[in-house]
Amino acid sequence: MTDGFVDRAFGPPGGEGVWGGKGNLDPLLQEIVDREPADSLWVEVFRAIGAAYPDTRISQSTTAFDAIQASVLLTMQQVDDESYDPFMAPAEADLLAALLEWSPEAREAMWQTSLSVGNYRRYLAAGLGHIHLLDPPAPFETPNYFEEDSARNVHTIGWTIC
């Protein structure tokens, strides 16, 4: 996420942002949104939830090069610099740059969370797909959720027990 997106969506500390979104967050998360920069927001959210619910497993799953997440990052960046045009497809070079930025940052955040939240699990699959579907519209290493095992031969279906 970008600071501009977080500022617009949730407003400044004590503010509500667009659509009053912050009011729908648990007070624990409202405090995090008010104090954390966008680049560490998800890690801090997982830390807070993990600490508040130590007997509950929390998880995150994505692919190594999630093209949808990269395009969302690009949209946030373009909105921040006021170059976003919803009627214009982004340039391939811009999408590639966003993908090359998003992917290592997402992996780093998942590792940081893994090291600091004992009840957190992550699954990083191969490919460009966004979500694990039985018949995905985007390229996955395998088209079947139950057979996906690109993460060191660990099947998606069993990853939470690792």
N, C-alpha and C. Protein backbone atom coordinates (compact mmCIF):
# COMPACT_ATOMS: atom_id res chain seq x y z
N MET A 1 0.84 -1.17 0.00
CA MET A 1 0.00 0.00 0.00
C MET A 1 0.89 1.24 0.00
N THR A 2 0.28 2.36 -0.35
CA THR A 2 1.01 3.62 -0.34
C THR A 2 0.47 4.50 0.77
N ASP A 3 1.29 5.42 1.24
CA ASP A 3 0.84 6.35 2.28
C ASP A 3 -0.33 7.19 1.78
N GLY A 4 -0.29 7.59 0.50
CA GLY A 4 -1.39 8.38 -0.05
C GLY A 4 -2.71 7.63 -0.01
N PHE A 5 -2.68 6.34 -0.34
CA PHE A 5 -3.90 5.53 -0.29
C PHE A 5 -4.42 5.42 1.13
N VAL A 6 -3.53 5.11 2.07
CA VAL A 6 -3.94 4.97 3.47
C VAL A 6 -4.50 6.29 3.99
N ASP A 7 -3.84 7.40 3.65
CA ASP A 7 -4.33 8.71 4.10
C ASP A 7 -5.70 9.03 3.54
N ARG A 8 -5.93 8.71 2.26
CA ARG A 8 -7.24 8.97 1.67
C ARG A 8 -8.30 8.04 2.27
N ALA A 9 -7.97 6.77 2.36
CA ALA A 9 -8.95 5.78 2.80
C ALA A 9 -9.33 5.95 4.26
N PHE A 10 -8.35 6.23 5.12
CA PHE A 10 -8.61 6.26 6.55
C PHE A 10 -8.46 7.64 7.19
N GLY A 11 -7.93 8.60 6.46
CA GLY A 11 -7.79 9.95 7.00
C GLY A 11 -6.60 10.06 7.93
N PRO A 12 -6.34 11.27 8.40
CA PRO A 12 -5.25 11.48 9.35
C PRO A 12 -5.61 10.87 10.70
N PRO A 13 -4.64 10.77 11.62
CA PRO A 13 -4.97 10.24 12.95
C PRO A 13 -6.20 10.95 13.53
N GLY A 14 -7.13 10.14 13.98
CA GLY A 14 -8.38 10.68 14.52
C GLY A 14 -9.42 10.96 13.46
N GLY A 15 -9.04 10.94 12.18
CA GLY A 15 -9.97 11.21 11.09
C GLY A 15 -10.68 9.95 10.64
N GLU A 16 -11.62 10.13 9.74
CA GLU A 16 -12.40 9.00 9.25
C GLU A 16 -12.07 8.61 7.81
N GLY A 17 -11.47 9.49 7.02
CA GLY A 17 -11.17 9.17 5.64
C GLY A 17 -12.43 9.10 4.80
N VAL A 18 -12.27 8.65 3.57
CA VAL A 18 -13.43 8.55 2.68
C VAL A 18 -14.35 7.43 3.15
N TRP A 19 -15.60 7.61 2.99
CA TRP A 19 -16.65 6.65 3.32
C TRP A 19 -16.71 6.29 4.80
N GLY A 20 -15.97 6.95 5.65
CA GLY A 20 -15.97 6.63 7.07
C GLY A 20 -15.43 5.24 7.36
N GLY A 21 -14.50 4.77 6.55
CA GLY A 21 -13.99 3.40 6.64
C GLY A 21 -13.35 3.06 7.97
N LYS A 22 -12.66 4.02 8.57
CA LYS A 22 -11.96 3.71 9.81
C LYS A 22 -12.93 3.33 10.92
N GLY A 23 -14.13 3.90 10.89
CA GLY A 23 -15.13 3.58 11.90
C GLY A 23 -15.57 2.13 11.87
N ASN A 24 -15.30 1.43 10.78
CA ASN A 24 -15.66 0.02 10.66
C ASN A 24 -14.56 -0.91 11.13
N LEU A 25 -13.41 -0.35 11.49
CA LEU A 25 -12.31 -1.16 11.98
C LEU A 25 -12.41 -1.36 13.49
N ASP A 26 -11.93 -2.48 13.95
CA ASP A 26 -11.80 -2.71 15.38
C ASP A 26 -10.91 -1.61 15.96
N PRO A 27 -11.19 -1.11 17.17
CA PRO A 27 -10.34 -0.06 17.75
C PRO A 27 -8.85 -0.40 17.76
N LEU A 28 -8.51 -1.67 17.94
CA LEU A 28 -7.11 -2.09 17.89
C LEU A 28 -6.49 -1.73 16.54
N LEU A 29 -7.23 -1.97 15.46
CA LEU A 29 -6.72 -1.69 14.12
C LEU A 29 -6.75 -0.20 13.81
N GLN A 30 -7.71 0.53 14.36
CA GLN A 30 -7.76 1.98 14.16
C GLN A 30 -6.47 2.62 14.65
N GLU A 31 -5.99 2.18 15.80
CA GLU A 31 -4.74 2.71 16.36
C GLU A 31 -3.56 2.43 15.44
N ILE A 32 -3.51 1.26 14.85
CA ILE A 32 -2.41 0.89 13.95
C ILE A 32 -2.45 1.76 12.70
N VAL A 33 -3.63 1.92 12.12
CA VAL A 33 -3.76 2.75 10.92
C VAL A 33 -3.33 4.19 11.22
N ASP A 34 -3.60 4.67 12.42
CA ASP A 34 -3.24 6.04 12.78
C ASP A 34 -1.73 6.22 12.96
N ARG A 35 -1.01 5.19 13.36
CA ARG A 35 0.40 5.40 13.71
C ARG A 35 1.41 4.79 12.75
N GLU A 36 1.02 3.82 11.91
CA GLU A 36 1.98 3.10 11.08
C GLU A 36 2.03 3.65 9.66
N PRO A 37 3.23 3.71 9.07
CA PRO A 37 3.32 4.03 7.64
C PRO A 37 2.78 2.87 6.82
N ALA A 38 2.34 3.15 5.62
CA ALA A 38 1.70 2.15 4.77
C ALA A 38 2.58 0.93 4.52
N ASP A 39 3.88 1.12 4.40
CA ASP A 39 4.73 -0.01 4.04
C ASP A 39 4.90 -1.03 5.17
N SER A 40 4.53 -0.69 6.39
CA SER A 40 4.60 -1.67 7.48
C SER A 40 3.22 -1.99 8.07
N LEU A 41 2.19 -1.45 7.46
CA LEU A 41 0.84 -1.58 8.01
C LEU A 41 0.38 -3.03 8.14
N TRP A 42 0.54 -3.84 7.08
CA TRP A 42 0.05 -5.22 7.14
C TRP A 42 0.78 -6.05 8.17
N VAL A 43 2.09 -5.86 8.28
CA VAL A 43 2.85 -6.62 9.27
C VAL A 43 2.33 -6.28 10.67
N GLU A 44 2.11 -5.01 10.94
CA GLU A 44 1.63 -4.59 12.26
C GLU A 44 0.20 -5.07 12.52
N VAL A 45 -0.63 -5.11 11.49
CA VAL A 45 -1.99 -5.63 11.64
C VAL A 45 -1.93 -7.11 12.03
N PHE A 46 -1.12 -7.89 11.34
CA PHE A 46 -0.99 -9.31 11.68
C PHE A 46 -0.40 -9.49 13.08
N ARG A 47 0.56 -8.67 13.46
CA ARG A 47 1.11 -8.77 14.82
C ARG A 47 0.04 -8.49 15.86
N ALA A 48 -0.74 -7.45 15.66
CA ALA A 48 -1.78 -7.11 16.62
C ALA A 48 -2.85 -8.19 16.71
N ILE A 49 -3.28 -8.70 15.57
CA ILE A 49 -4.31 -9.75 15.57
C ILE A 49 -3.75 -11.03 16.19
N GLY A 50 -2.51 -11.36 15.83
CA GLY A 50 -1.88 -12.56 16.40
C GLY A 50 -1.76 -12.49 17.91
N ALA A 51 -1.41 -11.30 18.43
CA ALA A 51 -1.29 -11.13 19.88
C ALA A 51 -2.66 -11.13 20.56
N ALA A 52 -3.64 -10.52 19.92
CA ALA A 52 -4.98 -10.44 20.51
C ALA A 52 -5.70 -11.79 20.50
N TYR A 53 -5.36 -12.63 19.55
CA TYR A 53 -6.02 -13.94 19.40
C TYR A 53 -4.96 -15.04 19.31
N PRO A 54 -4.22 -15.29 20.37
CA PRO A 54 -3.10 -16.23 20.32
C PRO A 54 -3.49 -17.67 20.04
N ASP A 55 -4.74 -18.04 20.28
CA ASP A 55 -5.18 -19.42 20.04
C ASP A 55 -5.81 -19.60 18.66
N THR A 56 -5.75 -18.57 17.83
CA THR A 56 -6.33 -18.61 16.49
C THR A 56 -5.22 -18.53 15.46
N ARG A 57 -5.30 -19.39 14.46
CA ARG A 57 -4.34 -19.31 13.36
C ARG A 57 -4.78 -18.22 12.40
N ILE A 58 -3.81 -17.44 11.97
CA ILE A 58 -4.07 -16.44 10.93
C ILE A 58 -3.13 -16.74 9.77
N SER A 59 -3.55 -16.40 8.58
CA SER A 59 -2.76 -16.83 7.43
C SER A 59 -2.82 -15.84 6.28
N GLN A 60 -1.92 -16.05 5.36
CA GLN A 60 -1.83 -15.24 4.16
C GLN A 60 -1.32 -16.13 3.04
N SER A 61 -1.90 -15.99 1.87
CA SER A 61 -1.50 -16.80 0.73
C SER A 61 -1.46 -15.93 -0.51
N THR A 62 -0.44 -16.11 -1.30
CA THR A 62 -0.33 -15.39 -2.57
C THR A 62 0.61 -16.17 -3.48
N THR A 63 0.78 -15.66 -4.68
CA THR A 63 1.75 -16.24 -5.60
C THR A 63 2.98 -15.34 -5.63
N ALA A 64 4.08 -15.89 -6.08
CA ALA A 64 5.35 -15.17 -6.07
C ALA A 64 5.29 -13.87 -6.86
N PHE A 65 4.52 -13.84 -7.92
CA PHE A 65 4.39 -12.64 -8.74
C PHE A 65 2.91 -12.37 -9.01
N ASP A 66 2.21 -11.96 -7.97
CA ASP A 66 0.76 -11.72 -8.04
C ASP A 66 0.49 -10.49 -8.90
N ALA A 67 0.08 -10.71 -10.13
CA ALA A 67 -0.12 -9.62 -11.08
C ALA A 67 -1.26 -8.68 -10.66
N ILE A 68 -2.27 -9.20 -10.01
CA ILE A 68 -3.38 -8.35 -9.57
C ILE A 68 -2.92 -7.42 -8.45
N GLN A 69 -2.21 -7.96 -7.48
CA GLN A 69 -1.70 -7.10 -6.39
C GLN A 69 -0.77 -6.02 -6.95
N ALA A 70 0.05 -6.39 -7.93
CA ALA A 70 0.95 -5.41 -8.54
C ALA A 70 0.16 -4.32 -9.26
N SER A 71 -0.93 -4.69 -9.92
CA SER A 71 -1.74 -3.66 -10.60
C SER A 71 -2.46 -2.77 -9.60
N VAL A 72 -2.85 -3.33 -8.45
CA VAL A 72 -3.45 -2.51 -7.40
C VAL A 72 -2.42 -1.52 -6.85
N LEU A 73 -1.19 -1.98 -6.63
CA LEU A 73 -0.13 -1.08 -6.19
C LEU A 73 0.09 0.03 -7.22
N LEU A 74 0.13 -0.32 -8.49
CA LEU A 74 0.32 0.68 -9.54
C LEU A 74 -0.82 1.71 -9.52
N THR A 75 -2.05 1.24 -9.36
CA THR A 75 -3.18 2.16 -9.30
C THR A 75 -3.03 3.12 -8.12
N MET A 76 -2.65 2.59 -6.94
CA MET A 76 -2.44 3.46 -5.78
C MET A 76 -1.36 4.50 -6.06
N GLN A 77 -0.27 4.06 -6.68
CA GLN A 77 0.82 4.99 -6.98
C GLN A 77 0.36 6.07 -7.96
N GLN A 78 -0.41 5.67 -8.97
CA GLN A 78 -0.90 6.63 -9.95
C GLN A 78 -1.91 7.60 -9.35
N VAL A 79 -2.75 7.11 -8.45
CA VAL A 79 -3.68 8.01 -7.77
C VAL A 79 -2.89 9.01 -6.92
N ASP A 80 -1.86 8.52 -6.24
CA ASP A 80 -1.04 9.40 -5.40
C ASP A 80 -0.38 10.49 -6.22
N ASP A 81 0.14 10.15 -7.41
CA ASP A 81 0.82 11.18 -8.21
C ASP A 81 -0.10 11.84 -9.24
N GLU A 82 -1.40 11.56 -9.12
CA GLU A 82 -2.46 12.16 -9.95
C GLU A 82 -2.31 11.87 -11.44
N SER A 83 -1.76 10.69 -11.76
CA SER A 83 -1.65 10.30 -13.16
C SER A 83 -2.62 9.18 -13.53
N TYR A 84 -3.45 8.76 -12.58
CA TYR A 84 -4.37 7.65 -12.81
C TYR A 84 -5.49 8.06 -13.76
N ASP A 85 -5.73 7.22 -14.75
CA ASP A 85 -6.84 7.41 -15.69
C ASP A 85 -7.58 6.09 -15.78
N PRO A 86 -8.79 6.00 -15.22
CA PRO A 86 -9.51 4.72 -15.20
C PRO A 86 -9.90 4.23 -16.59
N PHE A 87 -9.81 5.11 -17.60
CA PHE A 87 -10.20 4.73 -18.96
C PHE A 87 -9.00 4.36 -19.83
N MET A 88 -7.82 4.33 -19.22
CA MET A 88 -6.59 4.03 -19.95
C MET A 88 -5.90 2.83 -19.33
N ALA A 89 -5.64 1.81 -20.13
CA ALA A 89 -4.92 0.64 -19.62
C ALA A 89 -3.49 1.05 -19.27
N PRO A 90 -2.97 0.54 -18.17
CA PRO A 90 -1.59 0.90 -17.81
C PRO A 90 -0.58 0.33 -18.81
N ALA A 91 0.51 1.02 -18.96
CA ALA A 91 1.58 0.55 -19.84
C ALA A 91 2.18 -0.72 -19.26
N GLU A 92 2.58 -1.63 -20.13
CA GLU A 92 3.18 -2.89 -19.67
C GLU A 92 4.43 -2.64 -18.83
N ALA A 93 5.21 -1.64 -19.21
CA ALA A 93 6.43 -1.34 -18.46
C ALA A 93 6.09 -0.88 -17.04
N ASP A 94 5.00 -0.13 -16.90
CA ASP A 94 4.58 0.31 -15.56
C ASP A 94 4.10 -0.86 -14.73
N LEU A 95 3.36 -1.78 -15.36
CA LEU A 95 2.91 -2.97 -14.63
C LEU A 95 4.08 -3.85 -14.21
N LEU A 96 5.05 -3.99 -15.08
CA LEU A 96 6.23 -4.79 -14.75
C LEU A 96 7.00 -4.15 -13.59
N ALA A 97 7.15 -2.83 -13.63
CA ALA A 97 7.85 -2.13 -12.54
C ALA A 97 7.11 -2.33 -11.22
N ALA A 98 5.77 -2.24 -11.24
CA ALA A 98 4.99 -2.45 -10.03
C ALA A 98 5.12 -3.89 -9.54
N LEU A 99 5.14 -4.84 -10.46
CA LEU A 99 5.31 -6.25 -10.10
C LEU A 99 6.66 -6.48 -9.45
N LEU A 100 7.70 -5.88 -10.01
CA LEU A 100 9.04 -6.05 -9.46
C LEU A 100 9.21 -5.32 -8.13
N GLU A 101 8.37 -4.35 -7.86
CA GLU A 101 8.38 -3.68 -6.56
C GLU A 101 7.54 -4.46 -5.55
N TRP A 102 6.33 -4.87 -5.96
CA TRP A 102 5.41 -5.52 -5.03
C TRP A 102 5.95 -6.87 -4.55
N SER A 103 6.44 -7.69 -5.46
CA SER A 103 6.82 -9.07 -5.12
C SER A 103 7.84 -9.17 -3.98
N PRO A 104 8.99 -8.51 -4.06
CA PRO A 104 9.94 -8.64 -2.95
C PRO A 104 9.44 -8.01 -1.66
N GLU A 105 8.67 -6.93 -1.77
CA GLU A 105 8.13 -6.30 -0.56
C GLU A 105 7.12 -7.22 0.12
N ALA A 106 6.30 -7.90 -0.67
CA ALA A 106 5.31 -8.82 -0.09
C ALA A 106 6.02 -9.99 0.59
N ARG A 107 7.03 -10.54 -0.07
CA ARG A 107 7.78 -11.65 0.54
C ARG A 107 8.45 -11.21 1.84
N GLU A 108 9.05 -10.03 1.83
CA GLU A 108 9.71 -9.52 3.04
C GLU A 108 8.70 -9.35 4.17
N ALA A 109 7.53 -8.81 3.86
CA ALA A 109 6.49 -8.62 4.89
C ALA A 109 6.02 -9.97 5.43
N MET A 110 5.88 -10.96 4.55
CA MET A 110 5.46 -12.28 5.01
C MET A 110 6.52 -12.90 5.92
N TRP A 111 7.79 -12.73 5.58
CA TRP A 111 8.87 -13.25 6.44
C TRP A 111 8.91 -12.51 7.77
N GLN A 112 8.79 -11.19 7.76
CA GLN A 112 8.78 -10.42 9.01
C GLN A 112 7.64 -10.90 9.91
N THR A 113 6.49 -11.11 9.31
CA THR A 113 5.34 -11.56 10.09
C THR A 113 5.59 -12.96 10.64
N SER A 114 6.13 -13.85 9.81
CA SER A 114 6.42 -15.22 10.26
C SER A 114 7.35 -15.24 11.46
N LEU A 115 8.33 -14.35 11.46
CA LEU A 115 9.32 -14.33 12.54
C LEU A 115 8.80 -13.72 13.83
N SER A 116 7.72 -12.95 13.74
CA SER A 116 7.25 -12.26 14.95
C SER A 116 5.85 -12.66 15.41
N VAL A 117 5.15 -13.48 14.64
CA VAL A 117 3.80 -13.88 15.02
C VAL A 117 3.73 -15.41 14.98
N GLY A 118 3.71 -16.02 16.15
CA GLY A 118 3.76 -17.47 16.24
C GLY A 118 2.57 -18.21 15.66
N ASN A 119 1.43 -17.58 15.60
CA ASN A 119 0.23 -18.25 15.10
C ASN A 119 -0.10 -17.84 13.66
N TYR A 120 0.87 -17.32 12.96
CA TYR A 120 0.72 -16.88 11.56
C TYR A 120 1.34 -17.93 10.64
N ARG A 121 0.67 -18.20 9.53
CA ARG A 121 1.18 -19.09 8.50
C ARG A 121 1.09 -18.38 7.15
N ARG A 122 2.00 -18.73 6.25
CA ARG A 122 1.99 -18.14 4.92
C ARG A 122 2.18 -19.22 3.89
N TYR A 123 1.66 -18.97 2.70
CA TYR A 123 1.87 -19.86 1.57
C TYR A 123 2.18 -19.00 0.37
N LEU A 124 3.36 -19.21 -0.21
CA LEU A 124 3.79 -18.47 -1.38
C LEU A 124 3.92 -19.46 -2.53
N ALA A 125 2.94 -19.42 -3.43
CA ALA A 125 2.92 -20.33 -4.57
C ALA A 125 3.68 -19.72 -5.74
N ALA A 126 3.97 -20.53 -6.72
CA ALA A 126 4.60 -20.05 -7.95
C ALA A 126 3.56 -19.37 -8.83
N GLY A 127 4.01 -18.59 -9.77
CA GLY A 127 3.12 -18.06 -10.79
C GLY A 127 2.72 -16.61 -10.61
N LEU A 128 1.75 -16.21 -11.45
CA LEU A 128 1.25 -14.84 -11.51
C LEU A 128 -0.17 -14.71 -11.00
N GLY A 129 -0.81 -15.81 -10.68
CA GLY A 129 -2.22 -15.79 -10.30
C GLY A 129 -2.46 -15.01 -9.02
N HIS A 130 -3.68 -14.58 -8.84
CA HIS A 130 -4.03 -13.77 -7.67
C HIS A 130 -4.59 -14.60 -6.53
N ILE A 131 -5.49 -15.50 -6.81
CA ILE A 131 -6.10 -16.31 -5.77
C ILE A 131 -6.10 -17.77 -6.24
N HIS A 132 -6.19 -18.66 -5.30
CA HIS A 132 -6.17 -20.08 -5.62
C HIS A 132 -7.60 -20.55 -5.89
N LEU A 133 -7.87 -20.80 -7.14
CA LEU A 133 -9.20 -21.24 -7.55
C LEU A 133 -9.12 -22.63 -8.16
N LEU A 134 -10.26 -23.31 -8.22
CA LEU A 134 -10.28 -24.62 -8.88
C LEU A 134 -10.07 -24.48 -10.39
N ASP A 135 -10.56 -23.39 -10.97
CA ASP A 135 -10.42 -23.15 -12.40
C ASP A 135 -10.00 -21.69 -12.58
N PRO A 136 -8.75 -21.35 -12.28
CA PRO A 136 -8.34 -19.95 -12.24
C PRO A 136 -8.28 -19.29 -13.61
N PRO A 137 -8.61 -18.00 -13.67
CA PRO A 137 -8.51 -17.26 -14.92
C PRO A 137 -7.08 -16.80 -15.21
N ALA A 138 -6.20 -16.84 -14.23
CA ALA A 138 -4.82 -16.39 -14.40
C ALA A 138 -3.88 -17.59 -14.32
N PRO A 139 -2.69 -17.47 -14.88
CA PRO A 139 -1.79 -18.64 -14.91
C PRO A 139 -1.26 -19.02 -13.53
N PHE A 140 -1.45 -20.26 -13.18
CA PHE A 140 -0.90 -20.85 -11.98
C PHE A 140 0.03 -21.98 -12.40
N GLU A 141 0.86 -22.38 -11.48
CA GLU A 141 1.70 -23.55 -11.74
C GLU A 141 0.81 -24.76 -12.05
N THR A 142 -0.30 -24.86 -11.34
CA THR A 142 -1.29 -25.91 -11.59
C THR A 142 -2.67 -25.26 -11.53
N PRO A 143 -3.62 -25.72 -12.33
CA PRO A 143 -4.95 -25.11 -12.32
C PRO A 143 -5.86 -25.64 -11.21
N ASN A 144 -5.39 -26.56 -10.40
CA ASN A 144 -6.25 -27.16 -9.39
C ASN A 144 -5.74 -26.81 -7.99
N TYR A 145 -6.56 -26.14 -7.21
CA TYR A 145 -6.23 -25.73 -5.84
C TYR A 145 -5.70 -26.90 -5.02
N PHE A 146 -6.34 -28.03 -5.12
CA PHE A 146 -5.98 -29.18 -4.29
C PHE A 146 -4.67 -29.84 -4.71
N GLU A 147 -4.22 -29.54 -5.92
CA GLU A 147 -2.96 -30.10 -6.41
C GLU A 147 -1.81 -29.11 -6.36
N GLU A 148 -2.06 -27.84 -6.07
CA GLU A 148 -1.01 -26.81 -6.02
C GLU A 148 0.02 -27.20 -4.97
N ASP A 149 1.28 -27.36 -5.40
CA ASP A 149 2.33 -27.76 -4.47
C ASP A 149 3.68 -27.13 -4.84
N SER A 150 3.64 -25.95 -5.43
CA SER A 150 4.86 -25.32 -5.89
C SER A 150 5.74 -24.78 -4.76
N ALA A 151 5.23 -24.72 -3.55
CA ALA A 151 6.00 -24.24 -2.40
C ALA A 151 6.72 -25.42 -1.76
N ARG A 152 7.80 -25.85 -2.37
CA ARG A 152 8.61 -26.96 -1.87
C ARG A 152 7.80 -28.24 -1.68
N ASN A 153 6.91 -28.50 -2.61
CA ASN A 153 6.07 -29.69 -2.62
C ASN A 153 5.09 -29.77 -1.45
N VAL A 154 4.79 -28.63 -0.83
CA VAL A 154 3.74 -28.58 0.18
C VAL A 154 2.44 -28.20 -0.55
N HIS A 155 1.43 -29.02 -0.40
CA HIS A 155 0.15 -28.73 -1.05
C HIS A 155 -0.56 -27.55 -0.37
N THR A 156 -1.20 -26.73 -1.18
CA THR A 156 -1.95 -25.59 -0.65
C THR A 156 -2.94 -26.04 0.41
N ILE A 157 -3.61 -27.13 0.18
CA ILE A 157 -4.65 -27.61 1.07
C ILE A 157 -4.09 -27.96 2.46
N GLY A 158 -2.81 -28.27 2.56
CA GLY A 158 -2.24 -28.67 3.84
C GLY A 158 -1.25 -27.69 4.42
N TRP A 159 -1.12 -26.52 3.85
CA TRP A 159 -0.07 -25.60 4.27
C TRP A 159 -0.22 -25.06 5.67
N THR A 160 -1.41 -24.97 6.20
CA THR A 160 -1.58 -24.38 7.53
C THR A 160 -1.05 -25.28 8.64
N ILE A 161 -0.82 -26.54 8.34
CA ILE A 161 -0.30 -27.42 9.39
C ILE A 161 1.21 -27.47 9.40
N CYS A 162 1.85 -26.78 8.45
CA CYS A 162 3.32 -26.77 8.38
C CYS A 162 3.93 -25.96 9.51
